[in-house]
Amino acid sequence: MSHNRRRLLIALSAGAFTAPLASFAQQQPAKVFRIGFLGSESASRYVSRVEALRAGLRDLGYIEGRNILIEYRWAEGKIERLPALAAELVSLKLDVIVTHATPGTRAAKRATATIPIVMAVSIDPVAMGLIASLARPGGNITGSTFFGPELSAKRIELLKDAMPRIMRVAFIVNSDNPSMGLGLQAMESTARSLKMESEKIEVRSPKEFDGAFAAMAKRRVDAVAVQEDPLFIANAGAIADLAIKRRLPSIGFTEFAETGGLIGYGANYPEMFRRAAYFVDRILKGAKPGELPVEQPTKFELVINMKTAKALGITIPQSIRLRADKVIE
């Protein structure tokens, strides 16, 4: 047998064993992580935020159907449904649960002390008893929070700067959301310091919006302020439309101005949802949530809707317009 033929037979013989082994290795499925998402509102109203989360996961190499599966559960605006939905997610033996808004995080925390929880957005989780501290959250929760009360107070200041004649402002409050109290206190305190009177208007569902604005008209308020709440975020356009219909200047979160509110001020919430992917990635790679510091946004955006200003016959001072990050003409 020639030397070359002997080498070929040896190579083929080796291949007969190594090729199936290589093929077998290639056929081994990659680990598929199971992620839960607990939403307080409906999927259709949170498309941009959820897509930001998915984009963040894709950027980190997680592809749905390949190495991650996401189980979504939506409360459709009914906060009382969150505990049952959280329990349902826990029963699926997930690797991590992503929540948004304080009621969702609270429901998840009560449902499990072992599955890691990532807050995409939550108001002051320390004050709400969700974590021990921002630097060392402890337990099974981490993620992002924002300066809810401080933002609420800043909005009242901006409203007064833009329209100094405003003397009476209404605050819409979702009385089913316990975290709203912190922002309400901040707004009331700021209004008093600016010599303004305030009216608290409680709502629990979209069906109560018309009645709320009728109550504002009856109480002769000059403007309305809207806080971050799943109910209000999901119905931002409807609230903005009612404010225009009642000829009331309005202020709220940035998306509120983008859907027709007069002024918006707040954090970039889709970016916070994208950032949630970072926490998910760290946890899936072995990090303990209780040791991952909770983050806060560093940039806040001011949005002025000049279309709405014109519809209301309001002149926004040039000084305010120059401070805006976005002006909608």
Protein backbone atom coordinates (compact mmCIF):
# COMPACT_ATOMS: atom_id res chain seq x y z
CA MET A 1 0.00 0.00 0.00
CA SER A 2 1.43 3.36 -0.96
CA HIS A 3 2.31 5.89 1.69
CA ASN A 4 -0.24 8.43 0.33
CA ARG A 5 -3.08 5.87 0.26
CA ARG A 6 -2.31 4.83 3.84
CA ARG A 7 -2.56 8.48 4.97
CA LEU A 8 -5.89 8.87 3.13
CA LEU A 9 -7.34 5.75 4.79
CA ILE A 10 -6.21 6.98 8.20
CA ALA A 11 -7.79 10.38 7.55
CA LEU A 12 -11.05 8.80 6.35
CA SER A 13 -11.11 6.44 9.32
CA ALA A 14 -10.61 9.35 11.69
CA GLY A 15 -13.31 11.28 9.86
CA ALA A 16 -15.70 8.39 10.25
CA PHE A 17 -15.51 8.94 13.99
CA THR A 18 -14.99 12.71 14.27
CA ALA A 19 -17.55 13.80 11.68
CA PRO A 20 -20.52 12.27 13.53
CA LEU A 21 -19.20 13.72 16.78
CA ALA A 22 -18.93 17.17 15.20
CA SER A 23 -22.37 16.76 13.67
CA PHE A 24 -23.78 15.67 17.04
CA ALA A 25 -22.22 18.71 18.72
CA GLN A 26 -23.76 21.00 16.12
CA GLN A 27 -27.18 19.45 16.69
CA GLN A 28 -27.15 20.11 20.41
CA PRO A 29 -29.73 22.88 21.01
CA ALA A 30 -28.51 26.11 22.57
CA LYS A 31 -29.84 26.91 26.03
CA VAL A 32 -33.20 28.65 25.68
CA PHE A 33 -33.87 31.15 28.46
CA ARG A 34 -37.45 31.86 29.48
CA ILE A 35 -38.29 35.50 30.23
CA GLY A 36 -41.58 36.70 31.64
CA PHE A 37 -43.01 40.18 31.03
CA LEU A 38 -45.68 41.48 33.41
CA GLY A 39 -47.54 44.47 31.98
CA SER A 40 -50.06 46.60 33.80
CA GLU A 41 -51.76 47.78 30.61
CA SER A 42 -52.41 46.28 27.16
CA ALA A 43 -49.84 45.15 24.61
CA SER A 44 -51.22 47.44 21.89
CA ARG A 45 -50.61 50.54 24.01
CA TYR A 46 -47.02 49.66 24.94
CA VAL A 47 -45.68 48.65 21.54
CA SER A 48 -42.78 51.15 21.42
CA ARG A 49 -41.58 50.30 24.92
CA VAL A 50 -41.72 46.53 24.49
CA GLU A 51 -40.01 46.82 21.12
CA ALA A 52 -37.23 48.81 22.83
CA LEU A 53 -36.75 45.93 25.29
CA ARG A 54 -36.67 43.38 22.46
CA ALA A 55 -34.20 45.51 20.50
CA GLY A 56 -31.96 45.73 23.57
CA LEU A 57 -32.05 41.94 23.91
CA ARG A 58 -31.24 41.47 20.21
CA ASP A 59 -28.26 43.81 20.56
CA LEU A 60 -26.95 41.48 23.27
CA GLY A 61 -27.37 38.37 21.14
CA TYR A 62 -30.77 37.13 22.34
CA ILE A 63 -33.06 36.08 19.51
CA GLU A 64 -36.66 35.14 20.26
CA GLY A 65 -37.39 31.55 19.30
CA ARG A 66 -33.69 30.69 19.19
CA ASN A 67 -32.17 31.29 22.62
CA ILE A 68 -34.96 33.13 24.46
CA LEU A 69 -38.72 32.81 24.80
CA ILE A 70 -40.75 35.70 26.20
CA GLU A 71 -44.02 35.01 28.00
CA TYR A 72 -46.20 38.13 28.08
CA ARG A 73 -49.01 38.73 30.55
CA TRP A 74 -51.07 41.93 30.40
CA ALA A 75 -53.49 43.22 33.03
CA GLU A 76 -55.35 45.38 30.47
CA GLY A 77 -55.45 48.29 32.91
CA LYS A 78 -56.96 46.21 35.72
CA ILE A 79 -54.36 46.43 38.50
CA GLU A 80 -56.30 43.90 40.57
CA ARG A 81 -55.41 41.25 37.95
CA LEU A 82 -51.65 41.63 38.47
CA PRO A 83 -51.24 39.21 41.43
CA ALA A 84 -52.88 36.33 39.51
CA LEU A 85 -50.86 37.10 36.37
CA ALA A 86 -47.65 37.26 38.42
CA ALA A 87 -48.44 33.89 39.99
CA GLU A 88 -49.10 32.47 36.53
CA LEU A 89 -45.69 33.65 35.32
CA VAL A 90 -43.97 32.21 38.40
CA SER A 91 -45.54 28.81 37.69
CA LEU A 92 -43.80 28.73 34.29
CA LYS A 93 -40.36 28.28 35.91
CA LEU A 94 -38.90 31.38 34.27
CA ASP A 95 -35.29 32.53 34.40
CA VAL A 96 -36.22 36.20 34.93
CA ILE A 97 -39.33 38.42 35.04
CA VAL A 98 -39.39 41.96 33.60
CA THR A 99 -41.94 44.36 35.08
CA HIS A 100 -43.01 47.92 34.43
CA ALA A 101 -44.63 50.32 36.86
CA THR A 102 -44.74 49.92 40.62
CA PRO A 103 -47.96 47.82 40.84
CA GLY A 104 -46.45 45.21 38.49
CA THR A 105 -43.18 45.05 40.40
CA ARG A 106 -45.02 44.78 43.71
CA ALA A 107 -47.17 41.91 42.40
CA ALA A 108 -44.10 40.07 41.11
CA LYS A 109 -42.26 40.55 44.40
CA ARG A 110 -45.17 39.07 46.33
CA ALA A 111 -45.37 36.13 43.92
CA THR A 112 -41.71 35.08 44.14
CA ALA A 113 -38.65 35.63 46.29
CA THR A 114 -36.41 33.45 44.09
CA ILE A 115 -36.98 34.29 40.41
CA PRO A 116 -34.98 37.45 39.52
CA ILE A 117 -37.12 40.51 38.77
CA VAL A 118 -35.97 43.37 36.52
CA MET A 119 -37.87 46.66 36.82
CA ALA A 120 -37.96 48.31 33.39
CA VAL A 121 -39.46 51.37 35.09
CA SER A 122 -40.59 51.92 38.67
CA ILE A 123 -41.18 54.92 40.91
CA ASP A 124 -38.90 55.18 43.97
CA PRO A 125 -38.61 51.45 44.80
CA VAL A 126 -36.91 52.22 48.13
CA ALA A 127 -39.81 54.36 49.39
CA MET A 128 -42.26 51.75 48.09
CA GLY A 129 -40.50 48.99 50.04
CA LEU A 130 -39.42 47.02 46.98
CA ILE A 131 -35.66 47.17 47.57
CA ALA A 132 -33.29 47.97 50.44
CA SER A 133 -31.25 50.63 48.60
CA LEU A 134 -30.32 51.69 45.09
CA ALA A 135 -26.68 50.66 45.49
CA ARG A 136 -27.45 47.29 47.13
CA PRO A 137 -31.04 46.37 46.34
CA GLY A 138 -30.82 42.98 48.07
CA GLY A 139 -33.38 40.26 47.48
CA ASN A 140 -34.35 39.35 43.91
CA ILE A 141 -35.10 42.79 42.38
CA THR A 142 -33.00 45.23 40.34
CA GLY A 143 -33.49 47.44 37.26
CA SER A 144 -34.26 51.12 36.74
CA THR A 145 -36.20 53.78 38.59
CA PHE A 146 -36.86 57.45 38.02
CA PHE A 147 -37.32 60.54 40.14
CA GLY A 148 -41.11 60.41 40.19
CA PRO A 149 -41.87 63.03 42.86
CA GLU A 150 -39.10 65.34 41.64
CA LEU A 151 -40.36 65.13 38.05
CA SER A 152 -43.91 65.84 39.17
CA ALA A 153 -42.74 68.92 41.08
CA LYS A 154 -40.64 70.15 38.14
CA ARG A 155 -43.66 69.95 35.84
CA ILE A 156 -45.63 72.33 38.04
CA GLU A 157 -42.72 74.78 37.93
CA LEU A 158 -42.55 74.50 34.14
CA LEU A 159 -46.29 75.05 33.85
CA LYS A 160 -46.04 78.25 35.91
CA ASP A 161 -42.99 79.44 33.94
CA ALA A 162 -44.82 78.91 30.65
CA MET A 163 -48.10 80.46 31.82
CA PRO A 164 -47.60 82.75 34.85
CA ARG A 165 -51.31 83.55 35.01
CA ILE A 166 -52.25 80.00 36.02
CA MET A 167 -53.60 80.07 39.58
CA ARG A 168 -55.52 76.81 39.90
CA VAL A 169 -54.25 73.44 38.65
CA ALA A 170 -55.87 69.99 38.62
CA PHE A 171 -53.91 66.81 39.28
CA ILE A 172 -55.31 63.61 37.75
CA VAL A 173 -54.65 60.70 40.12
CA ASN A 174 -55.21 56.97 39.63
CA SER A 175 -56.38 56.10 43.13
CA ASP A 176 -55.79 52.38 42.45
CA ASN A 177 -52.04 52.99 42.17
CA PRO A 178 -50.46 53.51 45.62
CA SER A 179 -47.24 54.95 44.16
CA MET A 180 -49.11 58.02 42.89
CA GLY A 181 -49.21 59.48 46.39
CA LEU A 182 -45.54 60.48 46.35
CA GLY A 183 -45.92 62.50 43.16
CA LEU A 184 -49.18 64.05 44.33
CA GLN A 185 -47.55 65.31 47.54
CA ALA A 186 -44.68 66.82 45.54
CA MET A 187 -47.06 68.58 43.14
CA GLU A 188 -49.26 69.95 45.92
CA SER A 189 -46.22 71.23 47.82
CA THR A 190 -44.78 72.91 44.71
CA ALA A 191 -48.13 74.47 43.83
CA ARG A 192 -48.40 75.97 47.33
CA SER A 193 -44.88 77.41 47.10
CA LEU A 194 -45.87 79.07 43.80
CA LYS A 195 -49.05 80.52 45.36
CA MET A 196 -51.24 78.21 43.29
CA GLU A 197 -54.33 76.30 44.37
CA SER A 198 -54.68 72.63 43.45
CA GLU A 199 -57.50 70.14 42.91
CA LYS A 200 -57.10 66.36 43.09
CA ILE A 201 -59.22 64.54 40.51
CA GLU A 202 -59.41 60.76 41.00
CA VAL A 203 -59.96 58.29 38.15
CA ARG A 204 -59.71 54.51 37.96
CA SER A 205 -60.54 53.72 34.32
CA PRO A 206 -60.83 55.40 30.90
CA LYS A 207 -64.60 55.55 31.41
CA GLU A 208 -64.06 58.15 34.13
CA PHE A 209 -62.02 60.60 32.03
CA ASP A 210 -65.03 62.54 30.71
CA GLY A 211 -66.40 62.96 34.22
CA ALA A 212 -62.99 64.03 35.50
CA PHE A 213 -62.72 66.83 32.96
CA ALA A 214 -66.31 67.87 33.64
CA ALA A 215 -65.33 68.17 37.32
CA MET A 216 -62.33 70.32 36.35
CA ALA A 217 -64.60 72.68 34.43
CA LYS A 218 -66.94 72.88 37.40
CA ARG A 219 -64.05 73.71 39.72
CA ARG A 220 -62.73 76.31 37.25
CA VAL A 221 -59.17 75.03 37.05
CA ASP A 222 -56.70 76.78 34.73
CA ALA A 223 -54.57 73.75 33.79
CA VAL A 224 -54.14 70.01 34.33
CA ALA A 225 -51.05 67.94 35.26
CA VAL A 226 -50.71 64.23 34.48
CA GLN A 227 -48.36 61.80 36.25
CA GLU A 228 -46.69 58.63 34.95
CA ASP A 229 -49.19 55.85 35.54
CA PRO A 230 -49.90 52.84 33.30
CA LEU A 231 -53.51 53.98 32.89
CA PHE A 232 -52.51 57.50 31.85
CA ILE A 233 -49.63 56.39 29.62
CA ALA A 234 -51.93 53.98 27.78
CA ASN A 235 -54.58 56.69 27.31
CA ALA A 236 -52.31 59.71 26.83
CA GLY A 237 -53.93 60.71 23.54
CA ALA A 238 -57.46 60.58 24.94
CA ILE A 239 -56.48 62.71 27.95
CA ALA A 240 -54.71 65.24 25.71
CA ASP A 241 -57.78 65.45 23.44
CA LEU A 242 -60.08 66.11 26.40
CA ALA A 243 -57.75 68.84 27.68
CA ILE A 244 -57.87 70.56 24.28
CA LYS A 245 -61.65 70.15 24.12
CA ARG A 246 -61.98 71.80 27.54
CA ARG A 247 -59.38 74.41 26.48
CA LEU A 248 -57.06 73.48 29.34
CA PRO A 249 -53.27 73.79 29.12
CA SER A 250 -51.76 70.45 30.13
CA ILE A 251 -48.43 68.99 31.20
CA GLY A 252 -47.25 65.41 31.68
CA PHE A 253 -44.60 62.92 30.60
CA THR A 254 -42.84 63.31 27.23
CA GLU A 255 -45.13 60.90 25.34
CA PHE A 256 -48.12 62.88 26.62
CA ALA A 257 -46.94 65.97 24.69
CA GLU A 258 -46.20 63.83 21.63
CA THR A 259 -49.84 62.64 21.59
CA GLY A 260 -51.32 66.13 21.93
CA GLY A 261 -50.58 67.40 25.44
CA LEU A 262 -49.19 70.94 25.61
CA ILE A 263 -45.95 70.24 27.53
CA GLY A 264 -44.09 67.02 28.28
CA TYR A 265 -41.19 66.58 30.67
CA GLY A 266 -39.57 63.39 31.83
CA ALA A 267 -37.14 60.57 31.25
CA ASN A 268 -36.77 58.69 27.97
CA TYR A 269 -38.87 55.66 28.95
CA PRO A 270 -38.32 53.55 25.81
CA GLU A 271 -34.59 53.90 26.49
CA MET A 272 -35.16 52.63 30.04
CA PHE A 273 -36.94 49.58 28.60
CA ARG A 274 -33.98 49.01 26.28
CA ARG A 275 -31.68 49.25 29.29
CA ALA A 276 -33.70 46.52 31.04
CA ALA A 277 -32.10 44.12 28.55
CA TYR A 278 -28.70 44.83 30.16
CA PHE A 279 -29.99 43.66 33.55
CA VAL A 280 -31.58 40.56 32.00
CA ASP A 281 -28.28 39.71 30.29
CA ARG A 282 -26.26 40.11 33.49
CA ILE A 283 -28.66 37.89 35.41
CA LEU A 284 -28.74 35.19 32.72
CA LYS A 285 -24.94 35.17 32.88
CA GLY A 286 -25.00 34.50 36.62
CA ALA A 287 -25.17 37.89 38.37
CA LYS A 288 -27.35 38.14 41.48
CA PRO A 289 -30.05 40.81 41.12
CA GLY A 290 -29.64 41.93 44.72
CA GLU A 291 -26.03 42.88 43.94
CA LEU A 292 -26.75 44.84 40.73
CA PRO A 293 -27.22 48.55 41.57
CA VAL A 294 -30.53 50.05 40.50
CA GLU A 295 -30.02 52.76 37.87
CA GLN A 296 -31.62 56.17 37.45
CA PRO A 297 -31.88 58.17 34.21
CA THR A 298 -29.41 61.02 33.81
CA LYS A 299 -31.13 62.84 30.95
CA PHE A 300 -34.57 64.41 30.99
CA GLU A 301 -36.41 65.77 27.97
CA LEU A 302 -38.67 68.79 27.56
CA VAL A 303 -41.21 68.57 24.73
CA ILE A 304 -43.41 71.49 23.64
CA ASN A 305 -46.39 70.86 21.36
CA MET A 306 -46.88 74.09 19.41
CA LYS A 307 -49.83 72.60 17.50
CA THR A 308 -51.67 72.33 20.79
CA ALA A 309 -50.52 75.79 21.87
CA LYS A 310 -52.02 77.26 18.68
CA ALA A 311 -55.24 75.28 19.13
CA LEU A 312 -55.56 76.74 22.65
CA GLY A 313 -54.49 80.25 21.61
CA ILE A 314 -51.52 80.12 24.00
CA THR A 315 -48.19 81.83 23.44
CA ILE A 316 -45.29 79.82 24.86
CA PRO A 317 -42.45 82.15 25.95
CA GLN A 318 -39.35 82.01 23.80
CA SER A 319 -37.28 81.21 26.90
CA ILE A 320 -39.25 77.96 27.39
CA ARG A 321 -39.08 77.03 23.71
CA LEU A 322 -35.31 77.47 23.68
CA ARG A 323 -35.01 75.03 26.61
CA ALA A 324 -37.03 72.37 24.78
CA ASP A 325 -35.35 69.24 23.44
CA LYS A 326 -38.19 68.81 20.98
CA VAL A 327 -40.72 71.30 19.58
CA ILE A 328 -43.70 69.85 17.70
CA GLU A 329 -44.79 72.38 15.07
